[in-house]
Amino acid sequence: MRILALEHDLNTPTYANLEELQRDEARAVWQLQQADVIRGIWFTAAERNAVILLECADADAARLHLDTLPRVRHGYSNFKLYPLHSYDGFARLFAAGATAKVEEPPEY
């Protein structure tokens, strides 16, 4: 199952060695990517919060993986999880008797 995880900050980091924490975080993310748990990771443009796409059995498994991240372990951030399923809207185009309205693209 694919799960979208959106990071939100809990506390301002006061870790004694912030650079070390950031390296540990990058290392942990790399390990989860190499294990095919993390399928993609981005930062939001404004807040630089992580947006992670995970592949796990369920949200509980995703939570266990995210809880291994140093920023989560130290209480600096957490994640809101959104389990995803495939888009099924295309079925409306191919349903028996359905008539799809095809619009011409706008002229530029």
Protein backbone atom coordinates (compact mmCIF):
# COMPACT_ATOMS: atom_id res chain seq x y z
CA MET A 1 0.00 0.00 0.00
CA ARG A 2 1.21 3.49 -0.79
CA ILE A 3 1.07 5.99 2.02
CA LEU A 4 1.63 9.72 1.83
CA ALA A 5 3.30 11.16 4.94
CA LEU A 6 3.29 14.90 5.59
CA GLU A 7 5.72 16.19 8.20
CA HIS A 8 4.82 18.83 10.74
CA ASP A 9 7.24 20.37 13.21
CA LEU A 10 6.65 19.89 16.92
CA ASN A 11 9.57 21.73 18.52
CA THR A 12 12.47 23.89 17.44
CA PRO A 13 15.54 21.66 17.43
CA THR A 14 17.84 22.33 20.38
CA TYR A 15 19.95 19.26 19.69
CA ALA A 16 23.54 19.86 20.77
CA ASN A 17 24.90 19.09 17.32
CA LEU A 18 22.22 19.97 14.75
CA GLU A 19 24.52 19.09 11.83
CA GLU A 20 24.97 15.59 13.26
CA LEU A 21 21.19 15.21 13.64
CA GLN A 22 20.69 16.27 10.01
CA ARG A 23 23.31 13.77 8.80
CA ASP A 24 21.68 11.02 10.89
CA GLU A 25 18.31 11.94 9.38
CA ALA A 26 19.66 11.79 5.84
CA ARG A 27 21.31 8.43 6.59
CA ALA A 28 18.06 7.00 7.99
CA VAL A 29 16.07 8.22 4.98
CA TRP A 30 18.68 6.71 2.65
CA GLN A 31 18.41 3.35 4.43
CA LEU A 32 14.60 3.39 4.09
CA GLN A 33 14.95 4.24 0.40
CA GLN A 34 17.39 1.40 -0.12
CA ALA A 35 14.92 -0.95 1.62
CA ASP A 36 12.19 0.15 -0.87
CA VAL A 37 10.11 1.63 1.95
CA ILE A 38 10.49 5.25 0.87
CA ARG A 39 9.55 5.62 -2.81
CA GLY A 40 9.96 9.39 -2.99
CA ILE A 41 10.74 12.31 -0.71
CA TRP A 42 10.36 16.05 -1.21
CA PHE A 43 10.30 19.25 0.85
CA THR A 44 7.47 21.75 0.77
CA ALA A 45 8.66 25.00 -0.78
CA ALA A 46 7.64 27.35 2.02
CA GLU A 47 8.21 25.46 5.28
CA ARG A 48 10.70 22.80 4.10
CA ASN A 49 8.61 20.08 5.71
CA ALA A 50 9.13 16.58 4.35
CA VAL A 51 6.58 14.96 2.07
CA ILE A 52 7.26 11.23 1.81
CA LEU A 53 5.69 8.54 -0.33
CA LEU A 54 6.06 5.15 1.36
CA GLU A 55 5.28 1.60 0.27
CA CYS A 56 4.20 -0.43 3.31
CA ALA A 57 1.69 -3.10 4.28
CA ASP A 58 -0.45 -0.50 6.06
CA ALA A 59 -0.35 2.80 7.95
CA ASP A 60 0.83 1.10 11.14
CA ALA A 61 3.88 -0.28 9.34
CA ALA A 62 4.56 3.15 7.84
CA ARG A 63 4.35 4.71 11.30
CA LEU A 64 6.90 2.20 12.65
CA HIS A 65 9.34 3.12 9.87
CA LEU A 66 8.86 6.87 10.32
CA ASP A 67 9.34 6.52 14.07
CA THR A 68 12.93 5.41 13.38
CA LEU A 69 13.81 8.81 11.90
CA PRO A 70 16.02 10.87 14.26
CA ARG A 71 13.86 14.02 14.06
CA VAL A 72 10.83 11.97 15.11
CA ARG A 73 12.74 10.08 17.82
CA HIS A 74 13.98 13.37 19.33
CA GLY A 75 10.49 14.91 19.29
CA TYR A 76 11.18 17.59 16.67
CA SER A 77 8.65 16.43 14.10
CA ASN A 78 5.86 13.99 13.40
CA PHE A 79 3.93 12.84 10.35
CA LYS A 80 0.29 12.82 9.34
CA LEU A 81 -0.36 9.67 7.29
CA TYR A 82 -2.69 9.36 4.33
CA PRO A 83 -3.15 5.81 2.99
CA LEU A 84 -3.74 5.97 -0.77
CA HIS A 85 -5.53 3.78 -3.26
CA SER A 86 -5.55 3.84 -7.03
CA TYR A 87 -7.58 6.46 -8.82
CA ASP A 88 -10.73 4.79 -10.14
CA GLY A 89 -12.27 7.78 -11.89
CA PHE A 90 -11.32 6.54 -15.35
CA ALA A 91 -13.90 3.77 -14.96
CA ARG A 92 -16.53 6.44 -15.63
CA LEU A 93 -15.13 6.87 -19.13
CA PHE A 94 -15.39 3.20 -19.98
CA ALA A 95 -18.60 2.18 -18.19
CA ALA A 96 -21.24 0.52 -20.38
CA GLY A 97 -23.39 3.15 -22.04
CA ALA A 98 -21.26 6.04 -20.81
CA THR A 99 -20.76 8.94 -23.15
CA ALA A 100 -17.66 10.91 -22.55
CA LYS A 101 -17.74 14.53 -23.55
CA VAL A 102 -14.52 15.36 -25.30
CA GLU A 103 -13.62 19.03 -25.23
CA GLU A 104 -11.32 20.69 -27.69
CA PRO A 105 -8.19 22.16 -26.15
CA PRO A 106 -8.16 25.95 -25.92
CA GLU A 107 -6.37 27.87 -28.65
CA TYR A 108 -3.42 29.94 -27.54
